[in-house]
Amino acid sequence: MLKKYGNVDLQEVNKIARLNLKRIKNINKIYSSLKIKKNYYDLVLVADVLEHVKNPKELLRILKKNIKKNGYILITVPAYQFLFSTKDKVLKHFRRYNKKTLKKTIDEFTLVEMSYFNALLFIPIIAIILFNKILNINYIKRVETTPHPIINKIFFYIFSFEKIILKYLNFPFGLSIYALIKKW
């Protein structure tokens, strides 16, 4: 999808994930470490990564060296620490974010845009998470599988509709947060 905007490189520390990524066409290079090109990228996408890193500010400092002057980093993270659950532990998350905690993490950049997203499914999903959390139900295997194709298509349309809404307004809540930040 990103290839239509220019060259795409990937960085993945997990060896098995790197092997799977090699099957994707139009990827220039797959790096195993952050020792990548300095002042080279217009955009770095950090999708659901910061919650896995002990020191996310340090990771962002490293990435800052890799983007061009006036380059961007697009970040997505899971929202709300009170939703931290067994799923987060299994996925090796250190934390979840709210806008305030994410702003502290990205304070060495210029914030261009930030919003919660996955808001239309917020109420049913938060109810399920809290129900499972209160009753100490291990639901990780069920939530990490692809749902029935019809259910998956419904979720796809709901989630896609948010993209239209986000062009005009920011959500005051959601299951995730995105931030577009700029190097200064």
N, C-alpha and C. Protein backbone atom coordinates (compact mmCIF):
# COMPACT_ATOMS: atom_id res chain seq x y z
N MET A 1 0.81 -1.19 0.00
CA MET A 1 0.00 0.00 0.00
C MET A 1 0.86 1.26 0.00
N LEU A 2 1.93 1.28 0.80
CA LEU A 2 2.78 2.47 0.90
C LEU A 2 3.68 2.65 -0.32
N LYS A 3 3.91 1.60 -1.07
CA LYS A 3 4.84 1.64 -2.21
C LYS A 3 4.44 2.72 -3.23
N LYS A 4 3.15 2.99 -3.34
CA LYS A 4 2.71 3.99 -4.33
C LYS A 4 3.20 5.40 -3.97
N TYR A 5 3.65 5.60 -2.72
CA TYR A 5 4.15 6.90 -2.29
C TYR A 5 5.67 7.01 -2.37
N GLY A 6 6.36 5.90 -2.64
CA GLY A 6 7.81 5.93 -2.71
C GLY A 6 8.41 4.61 -2.26
N ASN A 7 9.71 4.62 -2.04
CA ASN A 7 10.41 3.42 -1.62
C ASN A 7 10.02 3.04 -0.19
N VAL A 8 9.95 1.74 0.08
CA VAL A 8 9.56 1.25 1.40
C VAL A 8 10.64 0.31 1.93
N ASP A 9 11.14 0.63 3.11
CA ASP A 9 12.04 -0.24 3.86
C ASP A 9 11.31 -0.65 5.14
N LEU A 10 11.67 -1.81 5.66
CA LEU A 10 11.08 -2.29 6.91
C LEU A 10 12.17 -2.57 7.91
N GLN A 11 11.84 -2.44 9.18
CA GLN A 11 12.74 -2.83 10.26
C GLN A 11 11.96 -3.75 11.18
N GLU A 12 12.49 -4.93 11.41
CA GLU A 12 11.84 -5.91 12.29
C GLU A 12 12.92 -6.69 13.02
N VAL A 13 12.86 -6.69 14.35
CA VAL A 13 13.88 -7.40 15.13
C VAL A 13 13.61 -8.90 15.23
N ASN A 14 12.36 -9.30 15.10
CA ASN A 14 12.01 -10.71 15.22
C ASN A 14 12.36 -11.47 13.93
N LYS A 15 13.20 -12.49 14.08
CA LYS A 15 13.70 -13.24 12.93
C LYS A 15 12.57 -13.92 12.14
N ILE A 16 11.62 -14.53 12.84
CA ILE A 16 10.51 -15.22 12.17
C ILE A 16 9.65 -14.20 11.41
N ALA A 17 9.39 -13.07 12.03
CA ALA A 17 8.60 -12.03 11.36
C ALA A 17 9.33 -11.52 10.11
N ARG A 18 10.67 -11.36 10.20
CA ARG A 18 11.45 -10.93 9.03
C ARG A 18 11.30 -11.91 7.88
N LEU A 19 11.34 -13.20 8.19
CA LEU A 19 11.18 -14.22 7.14
C LEU A 19 9.81 -14.10 6.48
N ASN A 20 8.78 -13.88 7.27
CA ASN A 20 7.44 -13.71 6.70
C ASN A 20 7.33 -12.43 5.88
N LEU A 21 8.00 -11.37 6.32
CA LEU A 21 7.95 -10.10 5.61
C LEU A 21 8.65 -10.17 4.24
N LYS A 22 9.61 -11.07 4.10
CA LYS A 22 10.33 -11.19 2.83
C LYS A 22 9.41 -11.62 1.69
N ARG A 23 8.24 -12.16 2.03
CA ARG A 23 7.29 -12.57 1.00
C ARG A 23 6.54 -11.38 0.41
N ILE A 24 6.60 -10.23 1.05
CA ILE A 24 5.90 -9.05 0.56
C ILE A 24 6.69 -8.46 -0.61
N LYS A 25 5.99 -8.21 -1.70
CA LYS A 25 6.63 -7.63 -2.88
C LYS A 25 6.88 -6.14 -2.67
N ASN A 26 7.80 -5.60 -3.42
CA ASN A 26 8.09 -4.17 -3.46
C ASN A 26 8.69 -3.60 -2.19
N ILE A 27 9.31 -4.42 -1.37
CA ILE A 27 10.03 -3.94 -0.20
C ILE A 27 11.49 -3.83 -0.60
N ASN A 28 12.07 -2.65 -0.43
CA ASN A 28 13.47 -2.46 -0.82
C ASN A 28 14.41 -3.24 0.08
N LYS A 29 14.28 -3.05 1.39
CA LYS A 29 15.21 -3.65 2.34
C LYS A 29 14.48 -3.93 3.64
N ILE A 30 14.85 -5.03 4.28
CA ILE A 30 14.32 -5.35 5.60
C ILE A 30 15.50 -5.37 6.56
N TYR A 31 15.49 -4.44 7.51
CA TYR A 31 16.57 -4.30 8.48
C TYR A 31 16.25 -5.09 9.74
N SER A 32 17.28 -5.65 10.37
CA SER A 32 17.08 -6.38 11.62
C SER A 32 17.38 -5.51 12.84
N SER A 33 17.95 -4.33 12.61
CA SER A 33 18.25 -3.42 13.72
C SER A 33 17.92 -2.00 13.28
N LEU A 34 18.09 -1.07 14.20
CA LEU A 34 17.81 0.33 13.86
C LEU A 34 19.03 1.04 13.27
N LYS A 35 20.04 0.30 12.92
CA LYS A 35 21.21 0.91 12.28
C LYS A 35 20.89 1.06 10.79
N ILE A 36 20.00 1.99 10.51
CA ILE A 36 19.54 2.21 9.15
C ILE A 36 19.97 3.60 8.69
N LYS A 37 19.54 3.99 7.52
CA LYS A 37 20.02 5.20 6.87
C LYS A 37 19.69 6.47 7.66
N LYS A 38 20.68 7.32 7.85
CA LYS A 38 20.50 8.59 8.57
C LYS A 38 19.94 9.66 7.62
N ASN A 39 19.06 10.50 8.15
CA ASN A 39 18.48 11.62 7.40
C ASN A 39 17.99 11.20 6.02
N TYR A 40 17.32 10.08 5.96
CA TYR A 40 16.95 9.49 4.67
C TYR A 40 15.45 9.47 4.43
N TYR A 41 14.68 9.20 5.45
CA TYR A 41 13.26 8.93 5.26
C TYR A 41 12.41 10.19 5.41
N ASP A 42 11.37 10.27 4.57
CA ASP A 42 10.37 11.33 4.69
C ASP A 42 9.36 10.99 5.77
N LEU A 43 9.10 9.69 5.92
CA LEU A 43 8.11 9.22 6.87
C LEU A 43 8.56 7.89 7.46
N VAL A 44 8.42 7.76 8.77
CA VAL A 44 8.63 6.49 9.46
C VAL A 44 7.31 6.15 10.14
N LEU A 45 6.82 4.94 9.90
CA LEU A 45 5.59 4.46 10.51
C LEU A 45 5.95 3.56 11.69
N VAL A 46 5.44 3.90 12.87
CA VAL A 46 5.69 3.14 14.09
C VAL A 46 4.31 2.67 14.57
N ALA A 47 3.85 1.57 13.99
CA ALA A 47 2.48 1.09 14.22
C ALA A 47 2.46 0.06 15.34
N ASP A 48 1.85 0.42 16.45
CA ASP A 48 1.73 -0.45 17.62
C ASP A 48 3.07 -1.05 18.03
N VAL A 49 4.03 -0.15 18.23
CA VAL A 49 5.39 -0.54 18.63
C VAL A 49 5.76 0.04 20.00
N LEU A 50 5.45 1.30 20.24
CA LEU A 50 5.93 1.98 21.46
C LEU A 50 5.53 1.27 22.74
N GLU A 51 4.39 0.61 22.74
CA GLU A 51 3.95 -0.08 23.95
C GLU A 51 4.81 -1.31 24.27
N HIS A 52 5.61 -1.76 23.30
CA HIS A 52 6.49 -2.92 23.48
C HIS A 52 7.90 -2.53 23.94
N VAL A 53 8.18 -1.24 23.99
CA VAL A 53 9.54 -0.75 24.22
C VAL A 53 9.65 -0.17 25.63
N LYS A 54 10.68 -0.59 26.37
CA LYS A 54 10.85 -0.07 27.74
C LYS A 54 11.05 1.44 27.74
N ASN A 55 11.87 1.95 26.81
CA ASN A 55 12.16 3.38 26.76
C ASN A 55 11.75 3.93 25.39
N PRO A 56 10.47 4.26 25.21
CA PRO A 56 10.02 4.72 23.90
C PRO A 56 10.63 6.04 23.46
N LYS A 57 10.98 6.92 24.42
CA LYS A 57 11.60 8.20 24.04
C LYS A 57 12.95 7.95 23.37
N GLU A 58 13.69 6.97 23.86
CA GLU A 58 14.99 6.64 23.27
C GLU A 58 14.81 6.09 21.85
N LEU A 59 13.81 5.24 21.66
CA LEU A 59 13.52 4.74 20.31
C LEU A 59 13.20 5.90 19.37
N LEU A 60 12.40 6.84 19.82
CA LEU A 60 12.04 7.98 18.97
C LEU A 60 13.25 8.86 18.67
N ARG A 61 14.18 8.99 19.63
CA ARG A 61 15.42 9.76 19.37
C ARG A 61 16.23 9.09 18.26
N ILE A 62 16.29 7.77 18.29
CA ILE A 62 17.01 7.03 17.24
C ILE A 62 16.32 7.24 15.90
N LEU A 63 15.01 7.10 15.88
CA LEU A 63 14.27 7.26 14.62
C LEU A 63 14.37 8.68 14.08
N LYS A 64 14.47 9.65 14.99
CA LYS A 64 14.60 11.05 14.59
C LYS A 64 15.84 11.26 13.71
N LYS A 65 16.88 10.50 14.00
CA LYS A 65 18.12 10.60 13.21
C LYS A 65 17.93 10.05 11.81
N ASN A 66 16.95 9.17 11.63
CA ASN A 66 16.74 8.53 10.34
C ASN A 66 15.84 9.30 9.40
N ILE A 67 15.09 10.27 9.93
CA ILE A 67 14.21 11.03 9.05
C ILE A 67 14.87 12.34 8.62
N LYS A 68 14.48 12.77 7.44
CA LYS A 68 14.99 14.02 6.89
C LYS A 68 14.54 15.21 7.75
N LYS A 69 15.20 16.34 7.55
CA LYS A 69 14.73 17.56 8.18
C LYS A 69 13.29 17.76 7.70
N ASN A 70 12.40 18.10 8.60
CA ASN A 70 10.97 18.23 8.33
C ASN A 70 10.31 16.90 8.00
N GLY A 71 10.97 15.78 8.34
CA GLY A 71 10.38 14.46 8.15
C GLY A 71 9.36 14.16 9.24
N TYR A 72 8.57 13.13 9.01
CA TYR A 72 7.47 12.79 9.90
C TYR A 72 7.62 11.37 10.47
N ILE A 73 7.01 11.19 11.63
CA ILE A 73 6.83 9.86 12.21
C ILE A 73 5.33 9.74 12.51
N LEU A 74 4.74 8.67 12.03
CA LEU A 74 3.33 8.37 12.31
C LEU A 74 3.29 7.22 13.30
N ILE A 75 2.65 7.46 14.44
CA ILE A 75 2.63 6.51 15.55
C ILE A 75 1.19 6.06 15.81
N THR A 76 1.02 4.76 16.08
CA THR A 76 -0.24 4.28 16.64
C THR A 76 0.09 3.48 17.90
N VAL A 77 -0.76 3.62 18.91
CA VAL A 77 -0.58 2.92 20.19
C VAL A 77 -1.95 2.54 20.75
N PRO A 78 -2.00 1.49 21.59
CA PRO A 78 -3.27 1.17 22.26
C PRO A 78 -3.57 2.20 23.36
N ALA A 79 -4.85 2.44 23.58
CA ALA A 79 -5.26 3.49 24.52
C ALA A 79 -5.72 2.92 25.86
N TYR A 80 -5.57 3.75 26.87
CA TYR A 80 -6.11 3.59 28.22
C TYR A 80 -5.48 2.46 29.04
N GLN A 81 -4.71 2.89 30.00
CA GLN A 81 -4.04 1.95 30.91
C GLN A 81 -5.05 1.09 31.69
N PHE A 82 -6.23 1.61 31.99
CA PHE A 82 -7.21 0.81 32.73
C PHE A 82 -7.68 -0.41 31.93
N LEU A 83 -7.41 -0.42 30.63
CA LEU A 83 -7.74 -1.58 29.79
C LEU A 83 -6.60 -2.59 29.73
N PHE A 84 -5.48 -2.26 30.37
CA PHE A 84 -4.34 -3.19 30.37
C PHE A 84 -4.82 -4.53 30.94
N SER A 85 -4.59 -5.60 30.17
CA SER A 85 -5.17 -6.89 30.52
C SER A 85 -4.20 -8.02 30.22
N THR A 86 -4.71 -9.23 30.35
CA THR A 86 -3.93 -10.42 30.02
C THR A 86 -3.43 -10.36 28.59
N LYS A 87 -4.26 -9.84 27.71
CA LYS A 87 -3.86 -9.71 26.30
C LYS A 87 -2.60 -8.87 26.19
N ASP A 88 -2.55 -7.74 26.90
CA ASP A 88 -1.36 -6.89 26.86
C ASP A 88 -0.13 -7.64 27.38
N LYS A 89 -0.31 -8.38 28.45
CA LYS A 89 0.81 -9.15 29.01
C LYS A 89 1.31 -10.19 28.03
N VAL A 90 0.40 -10.92 27.39
CA VAL A 90 0.78 -11.94 26.41
C VAL A 90 1.49 -11.30 25.22
N LEU A 91 1.03 -10.13 24.82
CA LEU A 91 1.64 -9.42 23.69
C LEU A 91 2.91 -8.65 24.09
N LYS A 92 3.28 -8.76 25.36
CA LYS A 92 4.50 -8.14 25.90
C LYS A 92 4.47 -6.62 25.83
N HIS A 93 3.31 -6.07 26.18
CA HIS A 93 3.17 -4.61 26.29
C HIS A 93 3.68 -4.17 27.66
N PHE A 94 4.32 -3.01 27.69
CA PHE A 94 4.71 -2.39 28.95
C PHE A 94 3.64 -1.43 29.45
N ARG A 95 2.86 -0.88 28.52
CA ARG A 95 1.91 0.16 28.89
C ARG A 95 0.90 0.36 27.77
N ARG A 96 -0.14 1.11 28.11
CA ARG A 96 -1.07 1.70 27.15
C ARG A 96 -0.99 3.21 27.35
N TYR A 97 -1.55 3.96 26.45
CA TYR A 97 -1.39 5.41 26.47
C TYR A 97 -2.74 6.12 26.54
N ASN A 98 -2.70 7.37 26.96
CA ASN A 98 -3.77 8.32 26.70
C ASN A 98 -3.08 9.50 25.99
N LYS A 99 -3.85 10.50 25.61
CA LYS A 99 -3.22 11.61 24.88
C LYS A 99 -2.12 12.29 25.70
N LYS A 100 -2.35 12.45 26.99
CA LYS A 100 -1.38 13.13 27.84
C LYS A 100 -0.06 12.35 27.92
N THR A 101 -0.14 11.05 28.15
CA THR A 101 1.10 10.26 28.26
C THR A 101 1.81 10.14 26.92
N LEU A 102 1.05 10.09 25.83
CA LEU A 102 1.70 10.04 24.52
C LEU A 102 2.37 11.38 24.21
N LYS A 103 1.74 12.49 24.57
CA LYS A 103 2.35 13.81 24.35
C LYS A 103 3.67 13.93 25.10
N LYS A 104 3.75 13.39 26.32
CA LYS A 104 5.02 13.41 27.07
C LYS A 104 6.09 12.59 26.36
N THR A 105 5.68 11.50 25.74
CA THR A 105 6.62 10.62 25.05
C THR A 105 7.17 11.27 23.78
N ILE A 106 6.37 12.11 23.13
CA ILE A 106 6.76 12.69 21.84
C ILE A 106 7.16 14.16 21.97
N ASP A 107 7.47 14.63 23.16
CA ASP A 107 7.71 16.06 23.38
C ASP A 107 8.96 16.62 22.70
N GLU A 108 9.79 15.77 22.13
CA GLU A 108 10.96 16.26 21.40
C GLU A 108 10.66 16.47 19.91
N PHE A 109 9.39 16.41 19.56
CA PHE A 109 8.93 16.60 18.18
C PHE A 109 7.83 17.65 18.17
N THR A 110 7.51 18.12 16.99
CA THR A 110 6.35 18.99 16.81
C THR A 110 5.15 18.10 16.54
N LEU A 111 4.11 18.25 17.33
CA LEU A 111 2.89 17.48 17.13
C LEU A 111 2.08 18.12 15.99
N VAL A 112 1.82 17.35 14.95
CA VAL A 112 1.06 17.83 13.80
C VAL A 112 -0.42 17.49 13.98
N GLU A 113 -0.68 16.27 14.40
CA GLU A 113 -2.07 15.82 14.54
C GLU A 113 -2.11 14.63 15.50
N MET A 114 -3.17 14.56 16.30
CA MET A 114 -3.34 13.44 17.22
C MET A 114 -4.84 13.21 17.43
N SER A 115 -5.23 11.94 17.46
CA SER A 115 -6.61 11.60 17.75
C SER A 115 -6.70 10.17 18.24
N TYR A 116 -7.75 9.92 19.01
CA TYR A 116 -8.12 8.54 19.28
C TYR A 116 -8.74 8.00 18.00
N PHE A 117 -8.71 6.68 17.84
CA PHE A 117 -9.45 6.04 16.76
C PHE A 117 -9.93 4.69 17.24
N ASN A 118 -10.63 3.99 16.38
CA ASN A 118 -11.36 2.78 16.75
C ASN A 118 -12.37 3.14 17.84
N ALA A 119 -13.09 4.23 17.59
CA ALA A 119 -14.06 4.76 18.54
C ALA A 119 -15.45 4.15 18.36
N LEU A 120 -15.81 3.79 17.15
CA LEU A 120 -17.16 3.28 16.91
C LEU A 120 -17.37 1.90 17.53
N LEU A 121 -16.29 1.17 17.74
CA LEU A 121 -16.37 -0.14 18.39
C LEU A 121 -15.98 -0.07 19.86
N PHE A 122 -15.75 1.15 20.36
CA PHE A 122 -15.23 1.34 21.70
C PHE A 122 -16.12 0.71 22.79
N ILE A 123 -17.40 1.04 22.78
CA ILE A 123 -18.30 0.58 23.84
C ILE A 123 -18.38 -0.95 23.89
N PRO A 124 -18.66 -1.65 22.78
CA PRO A 124 -18.74 -3.11 22.89
C PRO A 124 -17.40 -3.76 23.26
N ILE A 125 -16.32 -3.25 22.72
CA ILE A 125 -15.02 -3.87 23.00
C ILE A 125 -14.59 -3.59 24.44
N ILE A 126 -14.80 -2.38 24.93
CA ILE A 126 -14.43 -2.07 26.31
C ILE A 126 -15.26 -2.94 27.27
N ALA A 127 -16.53 -3.17 26.95
CA ALA A 127 -17.37 -4.02 27.79
C ALA A 127 -16.81 -5.45 27.84
N ILE A 128 -16.41 -5.96 26.70
CA ILE A 128 -15.85 -7.31 26.64
C ILE A 128 -14.54 -7.39 27.41
N ILE A 129 -13.66 -6.41 27.20
CA ILE A 129 -12.37 -6.40 27.90
C ILE A 129 -12.58 -6.35 29.41
N LEU A 130 -13.41 -5.43 29.87
CA LEU A 130 -13.62 -5.29 31.31
C LEU A 130 -14.32 -6.52 31.90
N PHE A 131 -15.29 -7.09 31.19
CA PHE A 131 -15.96 -8.31 31.64
C PHE A 131 -14.94 -9.43 31.82
N ASN A 132 -14.10 -9.65 30.82
CA ASN A 132 -13.08 -10.70 30.90
C ASN A 132 -12.04 -10.40 31.98
N LYS A 133 -11.71 -9.13 32.13
CA LYS A 133 -10.73 -8.74 33.14
C LYS A 133 -11.27 -8.97 34.56
N ILE A 134 -12.49 -8.55 34.80
CA ILE A 134 -13.11 -8.71 36.13
C ILE A 134 -13.26 -10.19 36.49
N LEU A 135 -13.66 -11.00 35.52
CA LEU A 135 -13.87 -12.42 35.77
C LEU A 135 -12.59 -13.25 35.57
N ASN A 136 -11.51 -12.56 35.27
CA ASN A 136 -10.21 -13.21 35.08
C ASN A 136 -10.27 -14.32 34.01
N ILE A 137 -10.94 -14.01 32.91
CA ILE A 137 -11.08 -14.96 31.80
C ILE A 137 -9.94 -14.72 30.81
N ASN A 138 -9.25 -15.79 30.45
CA ASN A 138 -8.17 -15.70 29.47
C ASN A 138 -8.77 -15.82 28.07
N TYR A 139 -8.85 -14.71 27.38
CA TYR A 139 -9.51 -14.68 26.08
C TYR A 139 -8.53 -14.41 24.92
N ILE A 140 -7.26 -14.44 25.20
CA ILE A 140 -6.26 -14.03 24.21
C ILE A 140 -6.34 -14.85 22.93
N LYS A 141 -6.54 -16.15 23.01
CA LYS A 141 -6.57 -16.98 21.80
C LYS A 141 -7.73 -16.62 20.90
N ARG A 142 -8.86 -16.25 21.51
CA ARG A 142 -10.04 -15.90 20.71
C ARG A 142 -9.89 -14.55 20.02
N VAL A 143 -9.27 -13.59 20.68
CA VAL A 143 -9.19 -12.25 20.08
C VAL A 143 -8.06 -12.11 19.07
N GLU A 144 -7.14 -13.03 19.07
CA GLU A 144 -6.02 -12.95 18.12
C GLU A 144 -6.23 -13.86 16.91
N THR A 145 -7.47 -14.28 16.68
CA THR A 145 -7.78 -15.06 15.48
C THR A 145 -8.69 -14.22 14.60
N THR A 146 -8.66 -14.50 13.32
CA THR A 146 -9.50 -13.78 12.38
C THR A 146 -10.95 -14.26 12.55
N PRO A 147 -11.88 -13.32 12.71
CA PRO A 147 -13.28 -13.74 12.87
C PRO A 147 -13.85 -14.30 11.56
N HIS A 148 -15.06 -14.79 11.65
CA HIS A 148 -15.78 -15.27 10.47
C HIS A 148 -15.73 -14.18 9.40
N PRO A 149 -15.60 -14.55 8.11
CA PRO A 149 -15.48 -13.54 7.05
C PRO A 149 -16.58 -12.48 7.03
N ILE A 150 -17.80 -12.84 7.35
CA ILE A 150 -18.89 -11.84 7.36
C ILE A 150 -18.67 -10.84 8.50
N ILE A 151 -18.35 -11.34 9.69
CA ILE A 151 -18.08 -10.47 10.85
C ILE A 151 -16.87 -9.59 10.55
N ASN A 152 -15.85 -10.19 9.96
CA ASN A 152 -14.65 -9.44 9.61
C ASN A 152 -14.98 -8.31 8.63
N LYS A 153 -15.84 -8.56 7.66
CA LYS A 153 -16.23 -7.55 6.67
C LYS A 153 -17.00 -6.42 7.36
N ILE A 154 -17.87 -6.75 8.30
CA ILE A 154 -18.63 -5.73 9.04
C ILE A 154 -17.66 -4.84 9.81
N PHE A 155 -16.71 -5.47 10.54
CA PHE A 155 -15.71 -4.70 11.27
C PHE A 155 -14.89 -3.82 10.32
N PHE A 156 -14.55 -4.35 9.16
CA PHE A 156 -13.79 -3.59 8.17
C PHE A 156 -14.55 -2.32 7.77
N TYR A 157 -15.84 -2.45 7.49
CA TYR A 157 -16.64 -1.29 7.08
C TYR A 157 -16.79 -0.27 8.21
N ILE A 158 -16.98 -0.75 9.42
CA ILE A 158 -17.09 0.16 10.57
C ILE A 158 -15.78 0.93 10.73
N PHE A 159 -14.68 0.19 10.70
CA PHE A 159 -13.37 0.82 10.89
C PHE A 159 -13.06 1.76 9.73
N SER A 160 -13.41 1.40 8.51
CA SER A 160 -13.17 2.25 7.34
C SER A 160 -13.98 3.54 7.41
N PHE A 161 -15.18 3.46 7.96
CA PHE A 161 -16.02 4.64 8.10
C PHE A 161 -15.35 5.69 8.99
N GLU A 162 -14.62 5.22 9.99
CA GLU A 162 -13.90 6.15 10.87
C GLU A 162 -12.91 7.01 10.10
N LYS A 163 -12.30 6.43 9.07
CA LYS A 163 -11.34 7.17 8.26
C LYS A 163 -12.00 8.42 7.66
N ILE A 164 -13.23 8.30 7.26
CA ILE A 164 -13.97 9.43 6.70
C ILE A 164 -14.23 10.47 7.79
N ILE A 165 -14.69 10.02 8.94
CA ILE A 165 -14.99 10.93 10.05
C ILE A 165 -13.73 11.68 10.49
N LEU A 166 -12.60 10.96 10.57
CA LEU A 166 -11.35 11.59 11.05
C LEU A 166 -10.85 12.70 10.14
N LYS A 167 -11.34 12.77 8.92
CA LYS A 167 -10.98 13.89 8.04
C LYS A 167 -11.56 15.20 8.55
N TYR A 168 -12.66 15.11 9.33
CA TYR A 168 -13.39 16.30 9.75
C TYR A 168 -13.32 16.58 11.25
N LEU A 169 -13.08 15.54 12.05
CA LEU A 169 -13.01 15.76 13.50
C LEU A 169 -12.18 14.67 14.15
N ASN A 170 -11.70 14.98 15.35
CA ASN A 170 -10.96 14.01 16.15
C ASN A 170 -11.89 13.39 17.17
N PHE A 171 -11.72 12.10 17.40
CA PHE A 171 -12.53 11.41 18.39
C PHE A 171 -12.02 11.74 19.80
N PRO A 172 -12.92 11.95 20.75
CA PRO A 172 -12.50 12.22 22.13
C PRO A 172 -12.12 10.95 22.90
N PHE A 173 -12.35 9.78 22.32
CA PHE A 173 -12.01 8.49 22.94
C PHE A 173 -11.86 7.46 21.82
N GLY A 174 -11.30 6.33 22.15
CA GLY A 174 -11.14 5.24 21.20
C GLY A 174 -10.23 4.19 21.80
N LEU A 175 -10.11 3.08 21.13
CA LEU A 175 -9.27 1.99 21.63
C LEU A 175 -7.80 2.20 21.31
N SER A 176 -7.52 3.10 20.38
CA SER A 176 -6.14 3.39 19.99
C SER A 176 -5.99 4.89 19.79
N ILE A 177 -4.73 5.31 19.69
CA ILE A 177 -4.39 6.72 19.43
C ILE A 177 -3.40 6.74 18.27
N TYR A 178 -3.56 7.73 17.40
CA TYR A 178 -2.51 7.97 16.41
C TYR A 178 -1.97 9.37 16.63
N ALA A 179 -0.70 9.53 16.31
CA ALA A 179 -0.06 10.84 16.37
C ALA A 179 0.85 10.98 15.16
N LEU A 180 0.74 12.10 14.47
CA LEU A 180 1.67 12.45 13.41
C LEU A 180 2.57 13.53 13.97
N ILE A 181 3.87 13.23 14.02
CA ILE A 181 4.82 14.16 14.59
C ILE A 181 5.88 14.51 13.55
N LYS A 182 6.49 15.68 13.74
CA LYS A 182 7.44 16.20 12.77
C LYS A 182 8.75 16.51 13.45
N LYS A 183 9.85 16.22 12.76
CA LYS A 183 11.18 16.55 13.25
C LYS A 183 11.36 18.06 13.18
N TRP A 184 11.93 18.64 14.24
CA TRP A 184 12.22 20.08 14.25
C TRP A 184 13.66 20.31 14.53
